[in-house]
């Protein structure tokens, strides 16, 4: 069944405004957790890393909802948190290994986090050996993130820009400049990937 994003966003916002933040986080994790885990799996190379960062994402989402100003969609906010968690993880693996896993606030939230991982993982593994995915994984992290956000997740360019900047509240002019820059970079990366696919014999001559 496809996700009704408009309904989900409205319901999460209503829960936040009524002070039921834990319930709002549960809904958000159930709704957007699978695609966020897919995003992290496509972005991070080591098999255990996506699960670790996904746990951090759940925690930060819970902590961030009370102050989220709704200047962008909840989905974009969720991707921004995931992007920042992945960046932090890549910069400081030692800090991650020392991190004591804090409580998410409720038993239900912890159970939902585990359920999302368990139910989503088999679908993600089916494409693990795909040759085009292997070519994509050879790209620098930011280029890989750009492709995943735009091609796989279908985010609008302004939302891609918000996520890549790592902020949910961004000056409109700065957002427009970043979106334009990313459009140009996207075309360059896409052309490079197509050429690599041709050299590998995966694509015909166009």
N, C-alpha and C. Protein backbone atom coordinates (compact mmCIF):
# COMPACT_ATOMS: atom_id res chain seq x y z
N UNK A 1 0.85 -1.19 0.00
CA UNK A 1 0.00 0.00 0.00
C UNK A 1 0.88 1.24 0.00
N UNK A 2 0.61 2.19 -0.88
CA UNK A 2 1.42 3.38 -0.98
C UNK A 2 1.18 4.29 0.23
N UNK A 3 2.21 5.04 0.57
CA UNK A 3 2.14 5.92 1.72
C UNK A 3 1.40 7.20 1.36
N UNK A 4 0.41 7.56 2.17
CA UNK A 4 -0.31 8.83 2.00
C UNK A 4 0.47 9.88 2.77
N UNK A 5 1.41 10.54 2.08
CA UNK A 5 2.30 11.48 2.77
C UNK A 5 1.55 12.66 3.35
N UNK A 6 0.57 13.17 2.62
CA UNK A 6 -0.16 14.33 3.10
C UNK A 6 -0.87 14.02 4.42
N UNK A 7 -1.50 12.85 4.47
CA UNK A 7 -2.19 12.44 5.70
C UNK A 7 -1.20 12.23 6.83
N UNK A 8 -0.07 11.58 6.53
CA UNK A 8 0.95 11.33 7.55
C UNK A 8 1.48 12.64 8.11
N UNK A 9 1.82 13.57 7.23
CA UNK A 9 2.39 14.84 7.68
C UNK A 9 1.40 15.61 8.55
N UNK A 10 0.15 15.59 8.15
CA UNK A 10 -0.89 16.28 8.92
C UNK A 10 -1.06 15.65 10.30
N UNK A 11 -1.06 14.32 10.33
CA UNK A 11 -1.26 13.62 11.60
C UNK A 11 -0.08 13.83 12.55
N UNK A 12 1.13 13.78 12.01
CA UNK A 12 2.31 14.00 12.85
C UNK A 12 2.31 15.42 13.40
N UNK A 13 1.96 16.38 12.56
CA UNK A 13 1.93 17.77 13.02
C UNK A 13 0.88 17.97 14.11
N UNK A 14 -0.28 17.37 13.94
CA UNK A 14 -1.33 17.48 14.96
C UNK A 14 -0.87 16.91 16.29
N UNK A 15 -0.17 15.77 16.24
CA UNK A 15 0.33 15.16 17.48
C UNK A 15 1.37 16.07 18.13
N UNK A 16 2.25 16.65 17.32
CA UNK A 16 3.27 17.56 17.87
C UNK A 16 2.62 18.76 18.54
N UNK A 17 1.64 19.34 17.88
CA UNK A 17 1.00 20.55 18.40
C UNK A 17 0.19 20.26 19.66
N UNK A 18 -0.24 19.02 19.83
CA UNK A 18 -0.99 18.66 21.03
C UNK A 18 -0.08 18.18 22.16
N UNK A 19 1.23 18.14 21.88
CA UNK A 19 2.20 17.73 22.89
C UNK A 19 2.49 16.25 22.94
N UNK A 20 1.89 15.47 22.05
CA UNK A 20 2.11 14.02 22.02
C UNK A 20 3.29 13.71 21.10
N UNK A 21 4.48 14.15 21.50
CA UNK A 21 5.66 14.06 20.64
C UNK A 21 6.08 12.60 20.41
N UNK A 22 6.02 11.78 21.45
CA UNK A 22 6.41 10.38 21.29
C UNK A 22 5.52 9.68 20.27
N UNK A 23 4.23 9.95 20.33
CA UNK A 23 3.30 9.36 19.36
C UNK A 23 3.58 9.90 17.96
N UNK A 24 3.89 11.19 17.86
CA UNK A 24 4.24 11.78 16.57
C UNK A 24 5.47 11.10 15.99
N UNK A 25 6.47 10.85 16.84
CA UNK A 25 7.70 10.19 16.38
C UNK A 25 7.42 8.77 15.92
N UNK A 26 6.55 8.07 16.64
CA UNK A 26 6.18 6.71 16.24
C UNK A 26 5.59 6.71 14.83
N UNK A 27 4.67 7.63 14.59
CA UNK A 27 4.04 7.72 13.27
C UNK A 27 5.06 8.06 12.18
N UNK A 28 5.95 8.99 12.50
CA UNK A 28 6.96 9.41 11.52
C UNK A 28 7.92 8.28 11.19
N UNK A 29 8.32 7.52 12.20
CA UNK A 29 9.26 6.41 11.98
C UNK A 29 8.59 5.30 11.19
N UNK A 30 7.34 5.00 11.52
CA UNK A 30 6.61 3.99 10.74
C UNK A 30 6.44 4.44 9.29
N UNK A 31 6.13 5.72 9.11
CA UNK A 31 5.84 6.22 7.77
C UNK A 31 7.07 6.40 6.90
N UNK A 32 8.09 7.07 7.45
CA UNK A 32 9.26 7.41 6.65
C UNK A 32 10.48 6.54 6.94
N UNK A 33 10.40 5.73 8.00
CA UNK A 33 11.54 4.89 8.36
C UNK A 33 12.05 4.00 7.24
N UNK A 34 11.17 3.27 6.53
CA UNK A 34 11.67 2.38 5.48
C UNK A 34 12.46 3.10 4.39
N UNK A 35 11.98 4.26 3.93
CA UNK A 35 12.72 4.94 2.87
C UNK A 35 13.98 5.61 3.40
N UNK A 36 13.98 6.02 4.66
CA UNK A 36 15.20 6.58 5.25
C UNK A 36 16.26 5.49 5.39
N UNK A 37 15.85 4.29 5.81
CA UNK A 37 16.80 3.18 5.90
C UNK A 37 17.33 2.83 4.51
N UNK A 38 16.47 2.89 3.50
CA UNK A 38 16.93 2.66 2.13
C UNK A 38 17.93 3.70 1.68
N UNK A 39 17.68 4.95 2.04
CA UNK A 39 18.59 6.05 1.73
C UNK A 39 19.96 5.82 2.37
N UNK A 40 19.95 5.45 3.65
CA UNK A 40 21.21 5.23 4.37
C UNK A 40 21.95 4.01 3.82
N UNK A 41 21.22 2.99 3.43
CA UNK A 41 21.85 1.79 2.88
C UNK A 41 22.53 2.09 1.55
N UNK A 42 21.89 2.95 0.74
CA UNK A 42 22.49 3.33 -0.54
C UNK A 42 23.69 4.25 -0.35
N UNK A 43 23.70 4.97 0.77
CA UNK A 43 24.72 5.98 1.00
C UNK A 43 25.97 5.42 1.67
N UNK A 44 25.78 4.49 2.59
CA UNK A 44 26.88 3.99 3.43
C UNK A 44 27.32 2.62 2.96
N UNK A 45 28.62 2.38 2.96
CA UNK A 45 29.16 1.17 2.35
C UNK A 45 29.18 -0.03 3.30
N UNK A 46 29.66 0.16 4.52
CA UNK A 46 29.79 -0.97 5.43
C UNK A 46 28.41 -1.46 5.85
N UNK A 47 28.21 -2.77 5.84
CA UNK A 47 26.87 -3.33 6.02
C UNK A 47 26.23 -2.93 7.35
N UNK A 48 27.05 -2.82 8.41
CA UNK A 48 26.47 -2.53 9.71
C UNK A 48 26.18 -1.04 9.91
N UNK A 49 26.78 -0.18 9.10
CA UNK A 49 26.64 1.26 9.30
C UNK A 49 25.21 1.77 9.16
N UNK A 50 24.44 1.37 8.14
CA UNK A 50 23.09 1.91 8.01
C UNK A 50 22.22 1.68 9.24
N UNK A 51 22.32 0.51 9.86
CA UNK A 51 21.51 0.24 11.05
C UNK A 51 21.91 1.16 12.21
N UNK A 52 23.21 1.38 12.38
CA UNK A 52 23.67 2.27 13.44
C UNK A 52 23.16 3.69 13.22
N UNK A 53 23.30 4.17 12.00
CA UNK A 53 22.89 5.54 11.70
C UNK A 53 21.36 5.66 11.76
N UNK A 54 20.67 4.60 11.39
CA UNK A 54 19.21 4.62 11.48
C UNK A 54 18.76 4.78 12.93
N UNK A 55 19.46 4.13 13.85
CA UNK A 55 19.14 4.30 15.27
C UNK A 55 19.34 5.74 15.71
N UNK A 56 20.44 6.34 15.25
CA UNK A 56 20.70 7.75 15.56
C UNK A 56 19.60 8.63 14.97
N UNK A 57 19.20 8.31 13.74
CA UNK A 57 18.13 9.08 13.08
C UNK A 57 16.85 9.04 13.90
N UNK A 58 16.47 7.87 14.39
CA UNK A 58 15.26 7.75 15.20
C UNK A 58 15.34 8.63 16.45
N UNK A 59 16.49 8.60 17.09
CA UNK A 59 16.69 9.40 18.31
C UNK A 59 16.61 10.90 18.01
N UNK A 60 17.29 11.31 16.93
CA UNK A 60 17.32 12.74 16.59
C UNK A 60 15.96 13.23 16.11
N UNK A 61 15.23 12.37 15.44
CA UNK A 61 13.88 12.74 15.01
C UNK A 61 13.00 13.01 16.22
N UNK A 62 13.07 12.13 17.20
CA UNK A 62 12.29 12.30 18.42
C UNK A 62 12.66 13.60 19.12
N UNK A 63 13.96 13.88 19.21
CA UNK A 63 14.41 15.11 19.89
C UNK A 63 14.11 16.36 19.08
N UNK A 64 14.09 16.22 17.75
CA UNK A 64 13.93 17.40 16.90
C UNK A 64 12.50 17.82 16.65
N UNK A 65 11.55 16.91 16.79
CA UNK A 65 10.16 17.25 16.47
C UNK A 65 9.60 18.41 17.30
N UNK A 66 9.90 18.51 18.60
CA UNK A 66 9.31 19.62 19.37
C UNK A 66 9.70 21.01 18.87
N UNK A 67 10.87 21.13 18.24
CA UNK A 67 11.32 22.45 17.77
C UNK A 67 11.24 22.59 16.25
N UNK A 68 10.74 21.57 15.57
CA UNK A 68 10.61 21.63 14.11
C UNK A 68 9.58 22.70 13.75
N UNK A 69 9.98 23.66 12.91
CA UNK A 69 9.13 24.82 12.60
C UNK A 69 8.21 24.59 11.41
N UNK A 70 8.30 23.44 10.74
CA UNK A 70 7.46 23.11 9.59
C UNK A 70 7.64 24.10 8.44
N UNK A 71 8.87 24.60 8.28
CA UNK A 71 9.18 25.46 7.14
C UNK A 71 9.42 24.63 5.88
N UNK A 72 9.56 23.34 6.05
CA UNK A 72 9.64 22.40 4.94
C UNK A 72 8.79 21.20 5.33
N UNK A 73 8.68 20.23 4.45
CA UNK A 73 7.88 19.05 4.78
C UNK A 73 8.59 18.20 5.83
N UNK A 74 7.81 17.39 6.53
CA UNK A 74 8.39 16.45 7.48
C UNK A 74 9.34 15.50 6.77
N UNK A 75 8.99 15.11 5.56
CA UNK A 75 9.85 14.19 4.79
C UNK A 75 11.22 14.81 4.55
N UNK A 76 11.25 16.08 4.14
CA UNK A 76 12.53 16.75 3.92
C UNK A 76 13.30 16.88 5.22
N UNK A 77 12.59 17.20 6.30
CA UNK A 77 13.21 17.28 7.63
C UNK A 77 13.83 15.94 8.00
N UNK A 78 13.12 14.85 7.72
CA UNK A 78 13.62 13.51 8.04
C UNK A 78 14.89 13.20 7.25
N UNK A 79 14.92 13.56 5.98
CA UNK A 79 16.12 13.33 5.17
C UNK A 79 17.28 14.20 5.63
N UNK A 80 16.98 15.42 6.06
CA UNK A 80 18.04 16.31 6.55
C UNK A 80 18.69 15.73 7.80
N UNK A 81 17.87 15.21 8.71
CA UNK A 81 18.40 14.57 9.91
C UNK A 81 19.25 13.36 9.52
N UNK A 82 18.76 12.57 8.57
CA UNK A 82 19.50 11.38 8.14
C UNK A 82 20.83 11.75 7.50
N UNK A 83 20.82 12.79 6.68
CA UNK A 83 22.05 13.25 6.03
C UNK A 83 23.08 13.67 7.07
N UNK A 84 22.64 14.45 8.06
CA UNK A 84 23.56 14.93 9.09
C UNK A 84 24.08 13.78 9.95
N UNK A 85 23.21 12.83 10.26
CA UNK A 85 23.63 11.67 11.05
C UNK A 85 24.67 10.86 10.29
N UNK A 86 24.47 10.70 8.97
CA UNK A 86 25.43 9.96 8.15
C UNK A 86 26.77 10.69 8.07
N UNK A 87 26.72 12.01 7.93
CA UNK A 87 27.95 12.80 7.87
C UNK A 87 28.71 12.70 9.19
N UNK A 88 28.01 12.83 10.30
CA UNK A 88 28.65 12.72 11.61
C UNK A 88 29.28 11.35 11.78
N UNK A 89 28.57 10.34 11.35
CA UNK A 89 29.04 8.96 11.46
C UNK A 89 30.32 8.75 10.67
N UNK A 90 30.34 9.27 9.46
CA UNK A 90 31.51 9.10 8.60
C UNK A 90 32.72 9.84 9.16
N UNK A 91 32.48 10.99 9.80
CA UNK A 91 33.59 11.79 10.32
C UNK A 91 34.17 11.22 11.61
N UNK A 92 33.33 10.58 12.39
CA UNK A 92 33.82 10.17 13.71
C UNK A 92 33.30 8.79 14.10
N UNK A 93 33.87 7.76 13.50
CA UNK A 93 33.45 6.40 13.80
C UNK A 93 33.74 6.03 15.25
N UNK A 94 34.83 6.55 15.78
CA UNK A 94 35.18 6.22 17.17
C UNK A 94 34.12 6.72 18.15
N UNK A 95 33.63 7.92 17.90
CA UNK A 95 32.59 8.46 18.77
C UNK A 95 31.35 7.59 18.71
N UNK A 96 31.04 7.08 17.52
CA UNK A 96 29.89 6.20 17.38
C UNK A 96 30.07 4.93 18.20
N UNK A 97 31.27 4.39 18.16
CA UNK A 97 31.52 3.14 18.87
C UNK A 97 31.46 3.33 20.38
N UNK A 98 31.76 4.56 20.85
CA UNK A 98 31.68 4.84 22.28
C UNK A 98 30.27 5.20 22.72
N UNK A 99 29.41 5.49 21.75
CA UNK A 99 28.08 5.99 22.08
C UNK A 99 27.28 4.95 22.85
N UNK A 100 26.72 5.36 23.97
CA UNK A 100 25.81 4.50 24.71
C UNK A 100 24.44 4.69 24.11
N UNK A 101 23.81 3.62 23.69
CA UNK A 101 22.52 3.72 23.02
C UNK A 101 21.46 4.23 23.99
N UNK A 102 20.99 5.47 23.84
CA UNK A 102 20.00 6.01 24.77
C UNK A 102 18.61 5.47 24.47
N UNK A 103 17.74 5.60 25.45
CA UNK A 103 16.36 5.18 25.26
C UNK A 103 15.66 6.13 24.31
N UNK A 104 14.83 5.59 23.45
CA UNK A 104 14.07 6.42 22.54
C UNK A 104 12.88 7.06 23.23
N UNK A 105 12.67 6.75 24.48
CA UNK A 105 11.59 7.40 25.21
C UNK A 105 10.45 6.46 25.54
N UNK A 106 10.16 5.52 24.67
CA UNK A 106 9.10 4.56 24.94
C UNK A 106 9.50 3.20 24.39
N UNK A 107 8.95 2.16 25.00
CA UNK A 107 9.19 0.81 24.49
C UNK A 107 8.66 0.68 23.08
N UNK A 108 7.53 1.35 22.81
CA UNK A 108 6.92 1.27 21.49
C UNK A 108 7.85 1.82 20.41
N UNK A 109 8.53 2.94 20.70
CA UNK A 109 9.44 3.52 19.72
C UNK A 109 10.59 2.58 19.40
N UNK A 110 11.16 1.97 20.42
CA UNK A 110 12.26 1.03 20.19
C UNK A 110 11.79 -0.15 19.36
N UNK A 111 10.59 -0.62 19.64
CA UNK A 111 10.05 -1.75 18.90
C UNK A 111 9.80 -1.38 17.44
N UNK A 112 9.31 -0.16 17.21
CA UNK A 112 9.04 0.29 15.85
C UNK A 112 10.34 0.40 15.07
N UNK A 113 11.38 0.94 15.71
CA UNK A 113 12.69 1.05 15.05
C UNK A 113 13.16 -0.33 14.58
N UNK A 114 13.07 -1.31 15.47
CA UNK A 114 13.51 -2.67 15.13
C UNK A 114 12.63 -3.27 14.03
N UNK A 115 11.34 -3.02 14.10
CA UNK A 115 10.41 -3.56 13.11
C UNK A 115 10.71 -3.01 11.72
N UNK A 116 10.96 -1.71 11.64
CA UNK A 116 11.27 -1.10 10.35
C UNK A 116 12.53 -1.71 9.76
N UNK A 117 13.56 -1.90 10.59
CA UNK A 117 14.80 -2.50 10.09
C UNK A 117 14.55 -3.92 9.59
N UNK A 118 13.83 -4.70 10.37
CA UNK A 118 13.60 -6.11 10.04
C UNK A 118 12.78 -6.26 8.76
N UNK A 119 11.75 -5.43 8.62
CA UNK A 119 10.86 -5.56 7.46
C UNK A 119 11.46 -4.97 6.19
N UNK A 120 12.33 -3.97 6.34
CA UNK A 120 12.87 -3.28 5.17
C UNK A 120 14.11 -3.96 4.61
N UNK A 121 14.93 -4.55 5.47
CA UNK A 121 16.22 -5.09 5.05
C UNK A 121 16.15 -6.10 3.91
N UNK A 122 15.23 -7.08 3.91
CA UNK A 122 15.21 -8.04 2.80
C UNK A 122 15.00 -7.40 1.44
N UNK A 123 14.19 -6.34 1.37
CA UNK A 123 13.94 -5.68 0.10
C UNK A 123 15.18 -4.93 -0.38
N UNK A 124 15.95 -4.39 0.55
CA UNK A 124 17.15 -3.65 0.18
C UNK A 124 18.23 -4.58 -0.33
N UNK A 125 18.30 -5.79 0.21
CA UNK A 125 19.37 -6.70 -0.16
C UNK A 125 19.20 -7.29 -1.55
N UNK A 126 18.01 -7.25 -2.10
CA UNK A 126 17.81 -7.86 -3.41
C UNK A 126 18.60 -7.16 -4.50
N UNK A 127 18.92 -5.88 -4.32
CA UNK A 127 19.64 -5.12 -5.34
C UNK A 127 21.12 -4.97 -5.01
N UNK A 128 21.59 -5.66 -3.97
CA UNK A 128 22.95 -5.41 -3.49
C UNK A 128 24.02 -5.73 -4.53
N UNK A 129 23.76 -6.70 -5.41
CA UNK A 129 24.76 -7.12 -6.38
C UNK A 129 24.57 -6.48 -7.75
N UNK A 130 23.62 -5.61 -7.85
CA UNK A 130 23.36 -4.96 -9.13
C UNK A 130 24.58 -4.18 -9.58
N UNK A 131 24.99 -4.39 -10.83
CA UNK A 131 26.23 -3.79 -11.32
C UNK A 131 26.16 -2.26 -11.38
N UNK A 132 25.00 -1.74 -11.74
CA UNK A 132 24.88 -0.28 -11.78
C UNK A 132 24.99 0.31 -10.38
N UNK A 133 24.47 -0.42 -9.39
CA UNK A 133 24.60 0.04 -8.02
C UNK A 133 26.07 0.04 -7.59
N UNK A 134 26.81 -0.94 -8.06
CA UNK A 134 28.23 -0.99 -7.73
C UNK A 134 28.97 0.21 -8.32
N UNK A 135 28.59 0.59 -9.54
CA UNK A 135 29.20 1.78 -10.14
C UNK A 135 28.85 3.03 -9.34
N UNK A 136 27.62 3.11 -8.90
CA UNK A 136 27.20 4.27 -8.12
C UNK A 136 27.95 4.34 -6.79
N UNK A 137 28.18 3.18 -6.19
CA UNK A 137 28.85 3.14 -4.89
C UNK A 137 30.30 3.61 -4.99
N UNK A 138 30.86 3.61 -6.20
CA UNK A 138 32.23 4.08 -6.38
C UNK A 138 32.32 5.60 -6.40
N UNK A 139 31.18 6.27 -6.47
CA UNK A 139 31.16 7.74 -6.50
C UNK A 139 31.48 8.32 -5.13
N UNK A 140 31.94 9.57 -5.08
CA UNK A 140 32.13 10.25 -3.79
C UNK A 140 30.79 10.32 -3.04
N UNK A 141 30.82 10.35 -1.71
CA UNK A 141 29.58 10.32 -0.91
C UNK A 141 28.56 11.38 -1.29
N UNK A 142 29.00 12.62 -1.51
CA UNK A 142 28.04 13.68 -1.83
C UNK A 142 27.37 13.46 -3.19
N UNK A 143 28.12 12.95 -4.16
CA UNK A 143 27.53 12.65 -5.47
C UNK A 143 26.55 11.49 -5.35
N UNK A 144 26.91 10.51 -4.55
CA UNK A 144 26.02 9.36 -4.34
C UNK A 144 24.73 9.81 -3.65
N UNK A 145 24.87 10.69 -2.66
CA UNK A 145 23.71 11.21 -1.96
C UNK A 145 22.80 11.99 -2.91
N UNK A 146 23.40 12.78 -3.77
CA UNK A 146 22.64 13.58 -4.74
C UNK A 146 21.80 12.68 -5.64
N UNK A 147 22.41 11.61 -6.15
CA UNK A 147 21.69 10.69 -7.03
C UNK A 147 20.55 9.99 -6.29
N UNK A 148 20.81 9.57 -5.07
CA UNK A 148 19.78 8.86 -4.31
C UNK A 148 18.59 9.78 -4.03
N UNK A 149 18.88 10.99 -3.59
CA UNK A 149 17.80 11.93 -3.25
C UNK A 149 16.95 12.28 -4.46
N UNK A 150 17.60 12.51 -5.59
CA UNK A 150 16.87 12.96 -6.77
C UNK A 150 16.28 11.80 -7.58
N UNK A 151 17.09 10.77 -7.86
CA UNK A 151 16.63 9.67 -8.70
C UNK A 151 15.79 8.66 -7.93
N UNK A 152 16.32 8.19 -6.80
CA UNK A 152 15.64 7.12 -6.07
C UNK A 152 14.46 7.63 -5.26
N UNK A 153 14.65 8.76 -4.58
CA UNK A 153 13.62 9.24 -3.67
C UNK A 153 12.71 10.31 -4.28
N UNK A 154 13.12 10.87 -5.41
CA UNK A 154 12.26 11.81 -6.13
C UNK A 154 12.01 13.13 -5.43
N UNK A 155 12.95 13.60 -4.62
CA UNK A 155 12.77 14.88 -3.95
C UNK A 155 12.83 16.03 -4.96
N UNK A 156 12.04 17.06 -4.70
CA UNK A 156 12.12 18.28 -5.51
C UNK A 156 13.48 18.92 -5.29
N UNK A 157 13.91 19.73 -6.28
CA UNK A 157 15.25 20.30 -6.19
C UNK A 157 15.45 21.16 -4.95
N UNK A 158 14.44 21.92 -4.56
CA UNK A 158 14.61 22.76 -3.37
C UNK A 158 14.76 21.90 -2.12
N UNK A 159 14.10 20.73 -2.10
CA UNK A 159 14.23 19.84 -0.96
C UNK A 159 15.57 19.11 -0.98
N UNK A 160 16.04 18.76 -2.18
CA UNK A 160 17.38 18.19 -2.30
C UNK A 160 18.41 19.18 -1.75
N UNK A 161 18.23 20.46 -2.10
CA UNK A 161 19.15 21.49 -1.64
C UNK A 161 19.13 21.61 -0.11
N UNK A 162 17.94 21.58 0.48
CA UNK A 162 17.84 21.66 1.95
C UNK A 162 18.59 20.51 2.60
N UNK A 163 18.37 19.31 2.08
CA UNK A 163 19.02 18.13 2.67
C UNK A 163 20.53 18.21 2.51
N UNK A 164 21.00 18.58 1.32
CA UNK A 164 22.43 18.63 1.08
C UNK A 164 23.10 19.73 1.91
N UNK A 165 22.37 20.81 2.18
CA UNK A 165 22.90 21.87 3.04
C UNK A 165 22.88 21.46 4.51
N UNK A 166 22.03 20.49 4.83
CA UNK A 166 21.96 20.00 6.20
C UNK A 166 21.14 20.85 7.13
N UNK A 167 20.23 21.67 6.58
CA UNK A 167 19.41 22.56 7.40
C UNK A 167 17.98 22.53 6.89
N UNK A 168 17.01 22.49 7.83
CA UNK A 168 15.61 22.52 7.39
C UNK A 168 15.11 23.95 7.20
N UNK A 169 15.78 24.93 7.84
CA UNK A 169 15.42 26.34 7.66
C UNK A 169 16.56 27.04 6.94
N UNK A 170 16.33 27.41 5.68
CA UNK A 170 17.38 28.01 4.85
C UNK A 170 16.83 29.25 4.17
N UNK A 171 17.68 30.29 4.05
CA UNK A 171 17.30 31.49 3.32
C UNK A 171 16.91 31.13 1.89
N UNK A 172 15.83 31.71 1.40
CA UNK A 172 15.29 31.34 0.09
C UNK A 172 16.28 31.57 -1.04
N UNK A 173 17.03 32.67 -0.98
CA UNK A 173 18.01 32.95 -2.03
C UNK A 173 19.13 31.91 -2.02
N UNK A 174 19.59 31.57 -0.82
CA UNK A 174 20.65 30.56 -0.70
C UNK A 174 20.15 29.20 -1.18
N UNK A 175 18.89 28.92 -0.89
CA UNK A 175 18.29 27.66 -1.31
C UNK A 175 18.23 27.58 -2.84
N UNK A 176 17.87 28.67 -3.47
CA UNK A 176 17.78 28.71 -4.93
C UNK A 176 19.15 28.53 -5.57
N UNK A 177 20.16 29.19 -5.00
CA UNK A 177 21.52 29.06 -5.54
C UNK A 177 22.02 27.62 -5.42
N UNK A 178 21.76 27.02 -4.27
CA UNK A 178 22.22 25.64 -4.06
C UNK A 178 21.49 24.68 -4.99
N UNK A 179 20.20 24.90 -5.19
CA UNK A 179 19.44 24.04 -6.10
C UNK A 179 20.00 24.12 -7.52
N UNK A 180 20.34 25.32 -7.96
CA UNK A 180 20.91 25.50 -9.30
C UNK A 180 22.26 24.80 -9.41
N UNK A 181 23.07 24.94 -8.38
CA UNK A 181 24.39 24.28 -8.39
C UNK A 181 24.23 22.77 -8.44
N UNK A 182 23.29 22.25 -7.67
CA UNK A 182 23.09 20.81 -7.62
C UNK A 182 22.53 20.26 -8.93
N UNK A 183 21.70 21.03 -9.60
CA UNK A 183 21.19 20.61 -10.91
C UNK A 183 22.36 20.38 -11.88
N UNK A 184 23.29 21.32 -11.89
CA UNK A 184 24.45 21.21 -12.78
C UNK A 184 25.32 20.03 -12.39
N UNK A 185 25.53 19.87 -11.09
CA UNK A 185 26.35 18.76 -10.62
C UNK A 185 25.69 17.42 -10.93
N UNK A 186 24.38 17.38 -10.79
CA UNK A 186 23.62 16.17 -11.06
C UNK A 186 23.81 15.72 -12.51
N UNK A 187 23.76 16.66 -13.43
CA UNK A 187 23.93 16.31 -14.84
C UNK A 187 25.32 15.77 -15.11
N UNK A 188 26.33 16.38 -14.49
CA UNK A 188 27.71 15.91 -14.66
C UNK A 188 27.87 14.49 -14.13
N UNK A 189 27.35 14.26 -12.92
CA UNK A 189 27.47 12.94 -12.30
C UNK A 189 26.71 11.89 -13.10
N UNK A 190 25.52 12.26 -13.56
CA UNK A 190 24.72 11.32 -14.35
C UNK A 190 25.44 10.93 -15.64
N UNK A 191 26.05 11.92 -16.30
CA UNK A 191 26.79 11.64 -17.53
C UNK A 191 27.99 10.73 -17.24
N UNK A 192 28.66 10.97 -16.13
CA UNK A 192 29.81 10.14 -15.75
C UNK A 192 29.37 8.70 -15.49
N UNK A 193 28.22 8.56 -14.84
CA UNK A 193 27.71 7.23 -14.52
C UNK A 193 27.30 6.47 -15.78
N UNK A 194 26.67 7.18 -16.71
CA UNK A 194 26.28 6.56 -17.98
C UNK A 194 27.52 6.10 -18.75
N UNK A 195 28.55 6.94 -18.78
CA UNK A 195 29.78 6.58 -19.48
C UNK A 195 30.44 5.37 -18.82
N UNK A 196 30.44 5.34 -17.49
CA UNK A 196 31.02 4.19 -16.78
C UNK A 196 30.22 2.93 -17.07
N UNK A 197 28.90 3.06 -17.18
CA UNK A 197 28.06 1.92 -17.51
C UNK A 197 28.34 1.38 -18.91
N UNK A 198 28.60 2.28 -19.83
CA UNK A 198 28.94 1.85 -21.20
C UNK A 198 30.28 1.13 -21.23
N UNK A 199 31.25 1.68 -20.51
CA UNK A 199 32.57 1.04 -20.48
C UNK A 199 32.50 -0.35 -19.86
N UNK A 200 31.59 -0.51 -18.91
CA UNK A 200 31.44 -1.80 -18.24
C UNK A 200 30.55 -2.76 -19.03
N UNK A 201 30.04 -2.29 -20.17
CA UNK A 201 29.20 -3.14 -21.00
C UNK A 201 27.78 -3.30 -20.50
N UNK A 202 27.36 -2.39 -19.60
CA UNK A 202 26.01 -2.48 -19.04
C UNK A 202 24.99 -1.69 -19.84
N UNK A 203 25.48 -0.74 -20.62
CA UNK A 203 24.59 0.11 -21.42
C UNK A 203 25.06 0.10 -22.87
N UNK A 204 24.10 0.21 -23.78
CA UNK A 204 24.45 0.27 -25.19
C UNK A 204 24.97 1.65 -25.55
N UNK A 205 25.56 1.76 -26.70
CA UNK A 205 26.03 3.06 -27.16
C UNK A 205 24.84 3.92 -27.53
N UNK A 206 24.79 5.14 -26.96
CA UNK A 206 23.66 6.02 -27.23
C UNK A 206 23.97 7.06 -28.26
